[in-house]
Amino acid sequence: MIAQILGHDYAALRLRYWCQSGRSAWVLDEIGKELPITVGVVIDQNYIQSLRVLTYRENRGGEVATPAFTDQFNGVSLATNNFIDKDIDGISGATLSVHALTRLANMALYLHRDSGCKDGT
């Protein structure tokens, strides 16, 4: 399913995450235009609580790292088709970076749900 979400296999052999009491935090990478974007996603009870760009390496499109952009992921969850339930507004000139962050948000929600990270674990 990860390959369907990303459109390719995930390059890393291991995923960095933390899970406790129905909350999880994920550190994921995805290529924007040419370079990786590192994103942190916190999920609480199957909803994104926070998405932040930890490292943005491209020369252009850095607007995706601003809270004005990333805050629109707050409250997003998975729909029944395993894709996020909200349309994310794009940024002119940063289309590939916007798509990368959207795929990572989707991936984090999917991984959270399938990780078994529930209350009390």
PDB file of N, CA and C in Angstrom:
ATOM      1  N   MET A   1       0.820  -1.204   0.000  1.00  0.00           N
ATOM      2  CA  MET A   1       0.000   0.000   0.000  1.00  0.00           C
ATOM      3  C   MET A   1       0.866   1.270   0.000  1.00  0.00           C
ATOM      4  N   ILE A   2       2.030   1.214   0.652  1.00  0.00           N
ATOM      5  CA  ILE A   2       2.922   2.380   0.674  1.00  0.00           C
ATOM      6  C   ILE A   2       3.323   2.759  -0.744  1.00  0.00           C
ATOM      7  N   ALA A   3       3.613   1.786  -1.580  1.00  0.00           N
ATOM      8  CA  ALA A   3       3.975   2.067  -2.972  1.00  0.00           C
ATOM      9  C   ALA A   3       2.818   2.738  -3.710  1.00  0.00           C
ATOM     10  N   GLN A   4       1.585   2.397  -3.385  1.00  0.00           N
ATOM     11  CA  GLN A   4       0.432   3.058  -4.004  1.00  0.00           C
ATOM     12  C   GLN A   4       0.321   4.506  -3.538  1.00  0.00           C
ATOM     13  N   ILE A   5       0.556   4.731  -2.263  1.00  0.00           N
ATOM     14  CA  ILE A   5       0.459   6.085  -1.720  1.00  0.00           C
ATOM     15  C   ILE A   5       1.538   6.986  -2.320  1.00  0.00           C
ATOM     16  N   LEU A   6       2.780   6.493  -2.348  1.00  0.00           N
ATOM     17  CA  LEU A   6       3.906   7.306  -2.817  1.00  0.00           C
ATOM     18  C   LEU A   6       4.065   7.303  -4.331  1.00  0.00           C
ATOM     19  N   GLY A   7       3.601   6.249  -4.971  1.00  0.00           N
ATOM     20  CA  GLY A   7       3.829   6.105  -6.407  1.00  0.00           C
ATOM     21  C   GLY A   7       5.147   5.409  -6.698  1.00  0.00           C
ATOM     22  N   HIS A   8       5.822   4.932  -5.636  1.00  0.00           N
ATOM     23  CA  HIS A   8       7.093   4.214  -5.746  1.00  0.00           C
ATOM     24  C   HIS A   8       7.356   3.553  -4.400  1.00  0.00           C
ATOM     25  N   ASP A   9       8.323   2.653  -4.344  1.00  0.00           N
ATOM     26  CA  ASP A   9       8.700   2.034  -3.074  1.00  0.00           C
ATOM     27  C   ASP A   9       9.371   3.070  -2.185  1.00  0.00           C
ATOM     28  N   TYR A  10       9.193   2.928  -0.871  1.00  0.00           N
ATOM     29  CA  TYR A  10       9.868   3.820   0.078  1.00  0.00           C
ATOM     30  C   TYR A  10      11.329   3.410   0.148  1.00  0.00           C
ATOM     31  N   ALA A  11      12.229   4.364   0.053  1.00  0.00           N
ATOM     32  CA  ALA A  11      13.658   4.074  -0.084  1.00  0.00           C
ATOM     33  C   ALA A  11      14.311   3.570   1.207  1.00  0.00           C
ATOM     34  N   ALA A  12      13.832   4.010   2.355  1.00  0.00           N
ATOM     35  CA  ALA A  12      14.479   3.638   3.619  1.00  0.00           C
ATOM     36  C   ALA A  12      14.145   2.207   4.026  1.00  0.00           C
ATOM     37  N   LEU A  13      15.104   1.553   4.654  1.00  0.00           N
ATOM     38  CA  LEU A  13      14.880   0.200   5.155  1.00  0.00           C
ATOM     39  C   LEU A  13      14.159   0.218   6.496  1.00  0.00           C
ATOM     40  N   ARG A  14      14.330   1.299   7.257  1.00  0.00           N
ATOM     41  CA  ARG A  14      13.706   1.436   8.565  1.00  0.00           C
ATOM     42  C   ARG A  14      12.983   2.773   8.652  1.00  0.00           C
ATOM     43  N   LEU A  15      11.919   2.784   9.453  1.00  0.00           N
ATOM     44  CA  LEU A  15      11.164   4.005   9.679  1.00  0.00           C
ATOM     45  C   LEU A  15      11.378   4.480  11.107  1.00  0.00           C
ATOM     46  N   ARG A  16      11.524   5.793  11.266  1.00  0.00           N
ATOM     47  CA  ARG A  16      11.673   6.366  12.596  1.00  0.00           C
ATOM     48  C   ARG A  16      10.296   6.800  13.096  1.00  0.00           C
ATOM     49  N   TYR A  17       9.876   6.207  14.235  1.00  0.00           N
ATOM     50  CA  TYR A  17       8.588   6.599  14.799  1.00  0.00           C
ATOM     51  C   TYR A  17       8.551   6.345  16.296  1.00  0.00           C
ATOM     52  N   TRP A  18       7.565   6.936  16.949  1.00  0.00           N
ATOM     53  CA  TRP A  18       7.329   6.790  18.370  1.00  0.00           C
ATOM     54  C   TRP A  18       5.833   6.566  18.540  1.00  0.00           C
ATOM     55  N   CYS A  19       5.442   5.720  19.485  1.00  0.00           N
ATOM     56  CA  CYS A  19       4.031   5.403  19.678  1.00  0.00           C
ATOM     57  C   CYS A  19       3.733   5.234  21.161  1.00  0.00           C
ATOM     58  N   GLN A  20       2.672   5.898  21.641  1.00  0.00           N
ATOM     59  CA  GLN A  20       2.235   5.728  23.019  1.00  0.00           C
ATOM     60  C   GLN A  20       0.825   6.269  23.187  1.00  0.00           C
ATOM     61  N   SER A  21      -0.023   5.498  23.816  1.00  0.00           N
ATOM     62  CA  SER A  21      -1.380   5.918  24.191  1.00  0.00           C
ATOM     63  C   SER A  21      -2.172   6.504  23.032  1.00  0.00           C
ATOM     64  N   GLY A  22      -2.168   5.830  21.904  1.00  0.00           N
ATOM     65  CA  GLY A  22      -2.956   6.275  20.763  1.00  0.00           C
ATOM     66  C   GLY A  22      -2.349   7.406  19.959  1.00  0.00           C
ATOM     67  N   ARG A  23      -1.159   7.850  20.334  1.00  0.00           N
ATOM     68  CA  ARG A  23      -0.464   8.907  19.602  1.00  0.00           C
ATOM     69  C   ARG A  23       0.792   8.325  18.989  1.00  0.00           C
ATOM     70  N   SER A  24       1.160   8.858  17.842  1.00  0.00           N
ATOM     71  CA  SER A  24       2.416   8.441  17.222  1.00  0.00           C
ATOM     72  C   SER A  24       3.069   9.651  16.564  1.00  0.00           C
ATOM     73  N   ALA A  25       4.372   9.558  16.433  1.00  0.00           N
ATOM     74  CA  ALA A  25       5.148  10.589  15.735  1.00  0.00           C
ATOM     75  C   ALA A  25       6.025   9.880  14.715  1.00  0.00           C
ATOM     76  N   TRP A  26       6.052  10.401  13.512  1.00  0.00           N
ATOM     77  CA  TRP A  26       6.770   9.786  12.393  1.00  0.00           C
ATOM     78  C   TRP A  26       7.729  10.792  11.791  1.00  0.00           C
ATOM     79  N   VAL A  27       8.919  10.342  11.449  1.00  0.00           N
ATOM     80  CA  VAL A  27       9.891  11.161  10.718  1.00  0.00           C
ATOM     81  C   VAL A  27      10.108  10.463   9.379  1.00  0.00           C
ATOM     82  N   LEU A  28       9.667  11.117   8.310  1.00  0.00           N
ATOM     83  CA  LEU A  28       9.651  10.514   6.979  1.00  0.00           C
ATOM     84  C   LEU A  28      10.320  11.431   5.959  1.00  0.00           C
ATOM     85  N   ASP A  29      10.845  10.832   4.903  1.00  0.00           N
ATOM     86  CA  ASP A  29      11.488  11.576   3.815  1.00  0.00           C
ATOM     87  C   ASP A  29      10.801  11.267   2.498  1.00  0.00           C
ATOM     88  N   GLU A  30      10.732  12.284   1.641  1.00  0.00           N
ATOM     89  CA  GLU A  30      10.218  12.112   0.284  1.00  0.00           C
ATOM     90  C   GLU A  30      10.899  13.149  -0.609  1.00  0.00           C
ATOM     91  N   ILE A  31      11.139  12.771  -1.838  1.00  0.00           N
ATOM     92  CA  ILE A  31      11.749  13.685  -2.808  1.00  0.00           C
ATOM     93  C   ILE A  31      10.731  14.741  -3.219  1.00  0.00           C
ATOM     94  N   GLY A  32      11.158  16.012  -3.183  1.00  0.00           N
ATOM     95  CA  GLY A  32      10.332  17.088  -3.694  1.00  0.00           C
ATOM     96  C   GLY A  32      10.504  17.140  -5.206  1.00  0.00           C
ATOM     97  N   LYS A  33      11.290  18.073  -5.680  1.00  0.00           N
ATOM     98  CA  LYS A  33      11.612  18.107  -7.103  1.00  0.00           C
ATOM     99  C   LYS A  33      12.825  17.230  -7.373  1.00  0.00           C
ATOM    100  N   GLU A  34      13.905  17.483  -6.624  1.00  0.00           N
ATOM    101  CA  GLU A  34      15.136  16.724  -6.837  1.00  0.00           C
ATOM    102  C   GLU A  34      15.753  16.202  -5.549  1.00  0.00           C
ATOM    103  N   LEU A  35      15.447  16.847  -4.421  1.00  0.00           N
ATOM    104  CA  LEU A  35      16.095  16.518  -3.154  1.00  0.00           C
ATOM    105  C   LEU A  35      15.069  16.081  -2.108  1.00  0.00           C
ATOM    106  N   PRO A  36      15.519  15.340  -1.085  1.00  0.00           N
ATOM    107  CA  PRO A  36      14.582  14.873  -0.058  1.00  0.00           C
ATOM    108  C   PRO A  36      14.078  16.002   0.842  1.00  0.00           C
ATOM    109  N   ILE A  37      12.843  15.866   1.258  1.00  0.00           N
ATOM    110  CA  ILE A  37      12.220  16.736   2.251  1.00  0.00           C
ATOM    111  C   ILE A  37      11.969  15.845   3.462  1.00  0.00           C
ATOM    112  N   THR A  38      12.439  16.266   4.635  1.00  0.00           N
ATOM    113  CA  THR A  38      12.218  15.501   5.864  1.00  0.00           C
ATOM    114  C   THR A  38      11.077  16.152   6.630  1.00  0.00           C
ATOM    115  N   VAL A  39      10.089  15.326   6.988  1.00  0.00           N
ATOM    116  CA  VAL A  39       8.868  15.812   7.615  1.00  0.00           C
ATOM    117  C   VAL A  39       8.619  15.049   8.906  1.00  0.00           C
ATOM    118  N   GLY A  40       8.138  15.749   9.932  1.00  0.00           N
ATOM    119  CA  GLY A  40       7.677  15.133  11.166  1.00  0.00           C
ATOM    120  C   GLY A  40       6.169  15.239  11.222  1.00  0.00           C
ATOM    121  N   VAL A  41       5.510  14.119  11.520  1.00  0.00           N
ATOM    122  CA  VAL A  41       4.049  14.095  11.587  1.00  0.00           C
ATOM    123  C   VAL A  41       3.646  13.499  12.927  1.00  0.00           C
ATOM    124  N   VAL A  42       2.820  14.228  13.679  1.00  0.00           N
ATOM    125  CA  VAL A  42       2.268  13.722  14.935  1.00  0.00           C
ATOM    126  C   VAL A  42       0.806  13.390  14.700  1.00  0.00           C
ATOM    127  N   ILE A  43       0.431  12.165  15.066  1.00  0.00           N
ATOM    128  CA  ILE A  43      -0.948  11.699  14.866  1.00  0.00           C
ATOM    129  C   ILE A  43      -1.530  11.345  16.225  1.00  0.00           C
ATOM    130  N   ASP A  44      -2.739  11.823  16.477  1.00  0.00           N
ATOM    131  CA  ASP A  44      -3.453  11.538  17.719  1.00  0.00           C
ATOM    132  C   ASP A  44      -4.837  11.016  17.362  1.00  0.00           C
ATOM    133  N   GLN A  45      -5.109   9.777  17.794  1.00  0.00           N
ATOM    134  CA  GLN A  45      -6.419   9.151  17.559  1.00  0.00           C
ATOM    135  C   GLN A  45      -6.822   9.180  16.082  1.00  0.00           C
ATOM    136  N   ASN A  46      -5.889   8.845  15.200  1.00  0.00           N
ATOM    137  CA  ASN A  46      -6.109   8.719  13.755  1.00  0.00           C
ATOM    138  C   ASN A  46      -6.299  10.050  13.021  1.00  0.00           C
ATOM    139  N   TYR A  47      -5.954  11.166  13.654  1.00  0.00           N
ATOM    140  CA  TYR A  47      -6.009  12.481  13.020  1.00  0.00           C
ATOM    141  C   TYR A  47      -4.641  13.138  13.130  1.00  0.00           C
ATOM    142  N   ILE A  48      -4.232  13.846  12.096  1.00  0.00           N
ATOM    143  CA  ILE A  48      -2.969  14.582  12.173  1.00  0.00           C
ATOM    144  C   ILE A  48      -3.136  15.733  13.155  1.00  0.00           C
ATOM    145  N   GLN A  49      -2.277  15.742  14.155  1.00  0.00           N
ATOM    146  CA  GLN A  49      -2.269  16.830  15.125  1.00  0.00           C
ATOM    147  C   GLN A  49      -1.315  17.927  14.650  1.00  0.00           C
ATOM    148  N   SER A  50      -0.198  17.504  14.037  1.00  0.00           N
ATOM    149  CA  SER A  50       0.799  18.473  13.594  1.00  0.00           C
ATOM    150  C   SER A  50       1.645  17.861  12.487  1.00  0.00           C
ATOM    151  N   LEU A  51       1.944  18.640  11.481  1.00  0.00           N
ATOM    152  CA  LEU A  51       2.876  18.260  10.419  1.00  0.00           C
ATOM    153  C   LEU A  51       3.852  19.410  10.273  1.00  0.00           C
ATOM    154  N   ARG A  52       5.134  19.093  10.384  1.00  0.00           N
ATOM    155  CA  ARG A  52       6.170  20.121  10.261  1.00  0.00           C
ATOM    156  C   ARG A  52       7.279  19.646   9.342  1.00  0.00           C
ATOM    157  N   VAL A  53       7.783  20.552   8.527  1.00  0.00           N
ATOM    158  CA  VAL A  53       8.945  20.266   7.690  1.00  0.00           C
ATOM    159  C   VAL A  53      10.170  20.428   8.574  1.00  0.00           C
ATOM    160  N   LEU A  54      10.923  19.359   8.734  1.00  0.00           N
ATOM    161  CA  LEU A  54      12.115  19.393   9.573  1.00  0.00           C
ATOM    162  C   LEU A  54      13.332  19.862   8.799  1.00  0.00           C
ATOM    163  N   THR A  55      13.458  19.392   7.540  1.00  0.00           N
ATOM    164  CA  THR A  55      14.566  19.823   6.680  1.00  0.00           C
ATOM    165  C   THR A  55      14.053  19.957   5.258  1.00  0.00           C
ATOM    166  N   TYR A  56      14.233  21.161   4.696  1.00  0.00           N
ATOM    167  CA  TYR A  56      13.867  21.417   3.298  1.00  0.00           C
ATOM    168  C   TYR A  56      15.141  21.718   2.534  1.00  0.00           C
ATOM    169  N   ARG A  57      15.442  20.934   1.524  1.00  0.00           N
ATOM    170  CA  ARG A  57      16.740  21.026   0.851  1.00  0.00           C
ATOM    171  C   ARG A  57      16.693  21.658  -0.541  1.00  0.00           C
ATOM    172  N   GLU A  58      15.523  21.860  -1.097  1.00  0.00           N
ATOM    173  CA  GLU A  58      15.416  22.428  -2.447  1.00  0.00           C
ATOM    174  C   GLU A  58      15.764  23.920  -2.427  1.00  0.00           C
ATOM    175  N   ASN A  59      16.110  24.456  -3.599  1.00  0.00           N
ATOM    176  CA  ASN A  59      16.407  25.886  -3.712  1.00  0.00           C
ATOM    177  C   ASN A  59      15.148  26.736  -3.733  1.00  0.00           C
ATOM    178  N   ARG A  60      14.061  26.172  -4.232  1.00  0.00           N
ATOM    179  CA  ARG A  60      12.800  26.913  -4.351  1.00  0.00           C
ATOM    180  C   ARG A  60      11.673  26.116  -3.722  1.00  0.00           C
ATOM    181  N   GLY A  61      10.575  26.790  -3.422  1.00  0.00           N
ATOM    182  CA  GLY A  61       9.399  26.111  -2.891  1.00  0.00           C
ATOM    183  C   GLY A  61       9.388  25.977  -1.384  1.00  0.00           C
ATOM    184  N   GLY A  62      10.292  26.656  -0.704  1.00  0.00           N
ATOM    185  CA  GLY A  62      10.383  26.558   0.743  1.00  0.00           C
ATOM    186  C   GLY A  62       9.144  27.029   1.489  1.00  0.00           C
ATOM    187  N   GLU A  63       8.194  27.624   0.782  1.00  0.00           N
ATOM    188  CA  GLU A  63       6.948  28.067   1.421  1.00  0.00           C
ATOM    189  C   GLU A  63       6.187  26.903   2.041  1.00  0.00           C
ATOM    190  N   VAL A  64       6.453  25.673   1.569  1.00  0.00           N
ATOM    191  CA  VAL A  64       5.760  24.512   2.148  1.00  0.00           C
ATOM    192  C   VAL A  64       6.166  24.279   3.598  1.00  0.00           C
ATOM    193  N   ALA A  65       7.260  24.891   4.039  1.00  0.00           N
ATOM    194  CA  ALA A  65       7.726  24.722   5.412  1.00  0.00           C
ATOM    195  C   ALA A  65       7.056  25.698   6.379  1.00  0.00           C
ATOM    196  N   THR A  66       6.285  26.633   5.884  1.00  0.00           N
ATOM    197  CA  THR A  66       5.662  27.632   6.752  1.00  0.00           C
ATOM    198  C   THR A  66       4.397  27.076   7.407  1.00  0.00           C
ATOM    199  N   PRO A  67       4.111  27.508   8.637  1.00  0.00           N
ATOM    200  CA  PRO A  67       2.867  27.078   9.277  1.00  0.00           C
ATOM    201  C   PRO A  67       1.620  27.446   8.477  1.00  0.00           C
ATOM    202  N   ALA A  68       1.681  28.526   7.707  1.00  0.00           N
ATOM    203  CA  ALA A  68       0.530  28.907   6.883  1.00  0.00           C
ATOM    204  C   ALA A  68       0.151  27.784   5.917  1.00  0.00           C
ATOM    205  N   PHE A  69       1.143  27.023   5.473  1.00  0.00           N
ATOM    206  CA  PHE A  69       0.862  25.883   4.602  1.00  0.00           C
ATOM    207  C   PHE A  69       0.618  24.611   5.405  1.00  0.00           C
ATOM    208  N   THR A  70       1.513  24.270   6.317  1.00  0.00           N
ATOM    209  CA  THR A  70       1.438  22.972   7.002  1.00  0.00           C
ATOM    210  C   THR A  70       0.229  22.852   7.932  1.00  0.00           C
ATOM    211  N   ASP A  71      -0.273  23.956   8.453  1.00  0.00           N
ATOM    212  CA  ASP A  71      -1.424  23.890   9.361  1.00  0.00           C
ATOM    213  C   ASP A  71      -2.682  23.347   8.695  1.00  0.00           C
ATOM    214  N   GLN A  72      -2.748  23.377   7.373  1.00  0.00           N
ATOM    215  CA  GLN A  72      -3.939  22.836   6.718  1.00  0.00           C
ATOM    216  C   GLN A  72      -4.022  21.308   6.826  1.00  0.00           C
ATOM    217  N   PHE A  73      -2.932  20.658   7.255  1.00  0.00           N
ATOM    218  CA  PHE A  73      -2.962  19.213   7.478  1.00  0.00           C
ATOM    219  C   PHE A  73      -3.566  18.855   8.836  1.00  0.00           C
ATOM    220  N   ASN A  74      -3.655  19.810   9.748  1.00  0.00           N
ATOM    221  CA  ASN A  74      -4.199  19.537  11.078  1.00  0.00           C
ATOM    222  C   ASN A  74      -5.638  19.039  10.967  1.00  0.00           C
ATOM    223  N   GLY A  75      -5.935  17.943  11.661  1.00  0.00           N
ATOM    224  CA  GLY A  75      -7.281  17.383  11.654  1.00  0.00           C
ATOM    225  C   GLY A  75      -7.582  16.454  10.501  1.00  0.00           C
ATOM    226  N   VAL A  76      -6.626  16.255   9.611  1.00  0.00           N
ATOM    227  CA  VAL A  76      -6.829  15.369   8.461  1.00  0.00           C
ATOM    228  C   VAL A  76      -6.752  13.916   8.926  1.00  0.00           C
ATOM    229  N   SER A  77      -7.572  13.064   8.324  1.00  0.00           N
ATOM    230  CA  SER A  77      -7.545  11.632   8.623  1.00  0.00           C
ATOM    231  C   SER A  77      -7.649  10.857   7.310  1.00  0.00           C
ATOM    232  N   LEU A  78      -7.668   9.530   7.422  1.00  0.00           N
ATOM    233  CA  LEU A  78      -7.810   8.689   6.238  1.00  0.00           C
ATOM    234  C   LEU A  78      -9.275   8.473   5.921  1.00  0.00           C
ATOM    235  N   ALA A  79      -9.618   8.567   4.651  1.00  0.00           N
ATOM    236  CA  ALA A  79     -10.952   8.200   4.192  1.00  0.00           C
ATOM    237  C   ALA A  79     -10.983   6.681   3.998  1.00  0.00           C
ATOM    238  N   THR A  80     -12.120   6.146   3.637  1.00  0.00           N
ATOM    239  CA  THR A  80     -12.256   4.697   3.473  1.00  0.00           C
ATOM    240  C   THR A  80     -11.395   4.146   2.345  1.00  0.00           C
ATOM    241  N   ASN A  81     -10.953   4.995   1.424  1.00  0.00           N
ATOM    242  CA  ASN A  81     -10.108   4.541   0.312  1.00  0.00           C
ATOM    243  C   ASN A  81      -8.616   4.573   0.640  1.00  0.00           C
ATOM    244  N   ASN A  82      -8.272   4.798   1.921  1.00  0.00           N
ATOM    245  CA  ASN A  82      -6.883   4.860   2.407  1.00  0.00           C
ATOM    246  C   ASN A  82      -6.116   6.089   1.936  1.00  0.00           C
ATOM    247  N   PHE A  83      -6.798   7.111   1.496  1.00  0.00           N
ATOM    248  CA  PHE A  83      -6.167   8.372   1.143  1.00  0.00           C
ATOM    249  C   PHE A  83      -6.762   9.476   2.013  1.00  0.00           C
ATOM    250  N   ILE A  84      -6.038  10.571   2.186  1.00  0.00           N
ATOM    251  CA  ILE A  84      -6.494  11.614   3.101  1.00  0.00           C
ATOM    252  C   ILE A  84      -7.855  12.157   2.689  1.00  0.00           C
ATOM    253  N   ASP A  85      -8.584  12.634   3.708  1.00  0.00           N
ATOM    254  CA  ASP A  85      -9.985  13.028   3.509  1.00  0.00           C
ATOM    255  C   ASP A  85     -10.169  14.518   3.215  1.00  0.00           C
ATOM    256  N   LYS A  86      -9.084  15.219   2.869  1.00  0.00           N
ATOM    257  CA  LYS A  86      -9.170  16.653   2.623  1.00  0.00           C
ATOM    258  C   LYS A  86      -8.299  17.024   1.428  1.00  0.00           C
ATOM    259  N   ASP A  87      -8.775  17.972   0.624  1.00  0.00           N
ATOM    260  CA  ASP A  87      -7.952  18.518  -0.447  1.00  0.00           C
ATOM    261  C   ASP A  87      -7.003  19.552   0.158  1.00  0.00           C
ATOM    262  N   ILE A  88      -5.743  19.455  -0.228  1.00  0.00           N
ATOM    263  CA  ILE A  88      -4.723  20.377   0.276  1.00  0.00           C
ATOM    264  C   ILE A  88      -4.475  21.446  -0.783  1.00  0.00           C
ATOM    265  N   ASP A  89      -4.548  22.713  -0.365  1.00  0.00           N
ATOM    266  CA  ASP A  89      -4.299  23.821  -1.284  1.00  0.00           C
ATOM    267  C   ASP A  89      -2.828  23.847  -1.675  1.00  0.00           C
ATOM    268  N   GLY A  90      -2.571  24.059  -2.955  1.00  0.00           N
ATOM    269  CA  GLY A  90      -1.209  24.095  -3.464  1.00  0.00           C
ATOM    270  C   GLY A  90      -0.570  25.458  -3.322  1.00  0.00           C
ATOM    271  N   ILE A  91       0.697  25.510  -3.698  1.00  0.00           N
ATOM    272  CA  ILE A  91       1.457  26.762  -3.730  1.00  0.00           C
ATOM    273  C   ILE A  91       2.072  26.859  -5.117  1.00  0.00           C
ATOM    274  N   SER A  92       1.839  27.972  -5.793  1.00  0.00           N
ATOM    275  CA  SER A  92       2.390  28.175  -7.114  1.00  0.00           C
ATOM    276  C   SER A  92       3.912  28.102  -7.068  1.00  0.00           C
ATOM    277  N   GLY A  93       4.489  27.275  -7.914  1.00  0.00           N
ATOM    278  CA  GLY A  93       5.934  27.130  -7.974  1.00  0.00           C
ATOM    279  C   GLY A  93       6.479  26.065  -7.041  1.00  0.00           C
ATOM    280  N   ALA A  94       5.609  25.449  -6.231  1.00  0.00           N
ATOM    281  CA  ALA A  94       6.055  24.419  -5.290  1.00  0.00           C
ATOM    282  C   ALA A  94       5.198  23.161  -5.409  1.00  0.00           C
ATOM    283  N   THR A  95       4.662  22.925  -6.586  1.00  0.00           N
ATOM    284  CA  THR A  95       3.718  21.829  -6.783  1.00  0.00           C
ATOM    285  C   THR A  95       4.295  20.474  -6.379  1.00  0.00           C
ATOM    286  N   LEU A  96       5.523  20.179  -6.760  1.00  0.00           N
ATOM    287  CA  LEU A  96       6.108  18.875  -6.430  1.00  0.00           C
ATOM    288  C   LEU A  96       6.340  18.737  -4.931  1.00  0.00           C
ATOM    289  N   SER A  97       6.714  19.813  -4.267  1.00  0.00           N
ATOM    290  CA  SER A  97       6.891  19.777  -2.815  1.00  0.00           C
ATOM    291  C   SER A  97       5.557  19.616  -2.097  1.00  0.00           C
ATOM    292  N   VAL A  98       4.534  20.285  -2.585  1.00  0.00           N
ATOM    293  CA  VAL A  98       3.187  20.133  -2.018  1.00  0.00           C
ATOM    294  C   VAL A  98       2.739  18.679  -2.146  1.00  0.00           C
ATOM    295  N   HIS A  99       2.941  18.090  -3.304  1.00  0.00           N
ATOM    296  CA  HIS A  99       2.559  16.691  -3.510  1.00  0.00           C
ATOM    297  C   HIS A  99       3.360  15.771  -2.602  1.00  0.00           C
ATOM    298  N   ALA A 100       4.638  16.050  -2.411  1.00  0.00           N
ATOM    299  CA  ALA A 100       5.481  15.225  -1.534  1.00  0.00           C
ATOM    300  C   ALA A 100       4.957  15.267  -0.098  1.00  0.00           C
ATOM    301  N   LEU A 101       4.633  16.442   0.417  1.00  0.00           N
ATOM    302  CA  LEU A 101       4.112  16.551   1.778  1.00  0.00           C
ATOM    303  C   LEU A 101       2.759  15.882   1.915  1.00  0.00           C
ATOM    304  N   THR A 102       1.931  15.996   0.904  1.00  0.00           N
ATOM    305  CA  THR A 102       0.625  15.341   0.934  1.00  0.00           C
ATOM    306  C   THR A 102       0.781  13.826   0.970  1.00  0.00           C
ATOM    307  N   ARG A 103       1.707  13.300   0.176  1.00  0.00           N
ATOM    308  CA  ARG A 103       1.956  11.844   0.192  1.00  0.00           C
ATOM    309  C   ARG A 103       2.485  11.395   1.547  1.00  0.00           C
ATOM    310  N   LEU A 104       3.377  12.190   2.164  1.00  0.00           N
ATOM    311  CA  LEU A 104       3.923  11.829   3.467  1.00  0.00           C
ATOM    312  C   LEU A 104       2.858  11.877   4.556  1.00  0.00           C
ATOM    313  N   ALA A 105       1.965  12.844   4.499  1.00  0.00           N
ATOM    314  CA  ALA A 105       0.863  12.906   5.461  1.00  0.00           C
ATOM    315  C   ALA A 105       0.003  11.657   5.330  1.00  0.00           C
ATOM    316  N   ASN A 106      -0.291  11.291   4.108  1.00  0.00           N
ATOM    317  CA  ASN A 106      -1.085  10.097   3.830  1.00  0.00           C
ATOM    318  C   ASN A 106      -0.385   8.842   4.349  1.00  0.00           C
ATOM    319  N   MET A 107       0.916   8.754   4.081  1.00  0.00           N
ATOM    320  CA  MET A 107       1.700   7.601   4.518  1.00  0.00           C
ATOM    321  C   MET A 107       1.724   7.492   6.036  1.00  0.00           C
ATOM    322  N   ALA A 108       1.927   8.607   6.731  1.00  0.00           N
ATOM    323  CA  ALA A 108       1.976   8.590   8.192  1.00  0.00           C
ATOM    324  C   ALA A 108       0.644   8.121   8.781  1.00  0.00           C
ATOM    325  N   LEU A 109      -0.466   8.598   8.238  1.00  0.00           N
ATOM    326  CA  LEU A 109      -1.779   8.161   8.718  1.00  0.00           C
ATOM    327  C   LEU A 109      -1.980   6.668   8.490  1.00  0.00           C
ATOM    328  N   TYR A 110      -1.587   6.201   7.341  1.00  0.00           N
ATOM    329  CA  TYR A 110      -1.705   4.769   7.036  1.00  0.00           C
ATOM    330  C   TYR A 110      -0.840   3.936   7.981  1.00  0.00           C
ATOM    331  N   LEU A 111       0.408   4.353   8.181  1.00  0.00           N
ATOM    332  CA  LEU A 111       1.313   3.624   9.070  1.00  0.00           C
ATOM    333  C   LEU A 111       0.805   3.638  10.507  1.00  0.00           C
ATOM    334  N   HIS A 112       0.275   4.772  10.956  1.00  0.00           N
ATOM    335  CA  HIS A 112      -0.274   4.865  12.309  1.00  0.00           C
ATOM    336  C   HIS A 112      -1.399   3.855  12.482  1.00  0.00           C
ATOM    337  N   ARG A 113      -2.304   3.845  11.547  1.00  0.00           N
ATOM    338  CA  ARG A 113      -3.441   2.935  11.643  1.00  0.00           C
ATOM    339  C   ARG A 113      -2.993   1.475  11.651  1.00  0.00           C
ATOM    340  N   ASP A 114      -2.034   1.136  10.823  1.00  0.00           N
ATOM    341  CA  ASP A 114      -1.593  -0.250  10.719  1.00  0.00           C
ATOM    342  C   ASP A 114      -0.542  -0.635  11.767  1.00  0.00           C
ATOM    343  N   SER A 115      -0.038   0.333  12.527  1.00  0.00           N
ATOM    344  CA  SER A 115       0.984   0.034  13.527  1.00  0.00           C
ATOM    345  C   SER A 115       0.405  -0.567  14.787  1.00  0.00           C
ATOM    346  N   GLY A 116      -0.895  -0.460  14.957  1.00  0.00           N
ATOM    347  CA  GLY A 116      -1.506  -0.958  16.189  1.00  0.00           C
ATOM    348  C   GLY A 116      -1.318   0.017  17.339  1.00  0.00           C
ATOM    349  N   CYS A 117      -0.991   1.251  17.057  1.00  0.00           N
ATOM    350  CA  CYS A 117      -0.780   2.260  18.090  1.00  0.00           C
ATOM    351  C   CYS A 117      -2.155   2.707  18.608  1.00  0.00           C
ATOM    352  N   LYS A 118      -2.588   2.065  19.662  1.00  0.00           N
ATOM    353  CA  LYS A 118      -3.914   2.350  20.247  1.00  0.00           C
ATOM    354  C   LYS A 118      -3.743   2.821  21.685  1.00  0.00           C
ATOM    355  N   ASP A 119      -4.855   3.169  22.313  1.00  0.00           N
ATOM    356  CA  ASP A 119      -4.811   3.580  23.714  1.00  0.00           C
ATOM    357  C   ASP A 119      -4.150   2.508  24.567  1.00  0.00           C
ATOM    358  N   GLY A 120      -3.251   2.940  25.433  1.00  0.00           N
ATOM    359  CA  GLY A 120      -2.611   2.043  26.378  1.00  0.00           C
ATOM    360  C   GLY A 120      -1.417   1.278  25.829  1.00  0.00           C
ATOM    361  N   THR A 121      -1.027   1.520  24.580  1.00  0.00           N
ATOM    362  CA  THR A 121       0.142   0.796  24.036  1.00  0.00           C
ATOM    363  C   THR A 121       1.297   1.723  23.849  1.00  0.00           C
TER     364      THR A 121
END
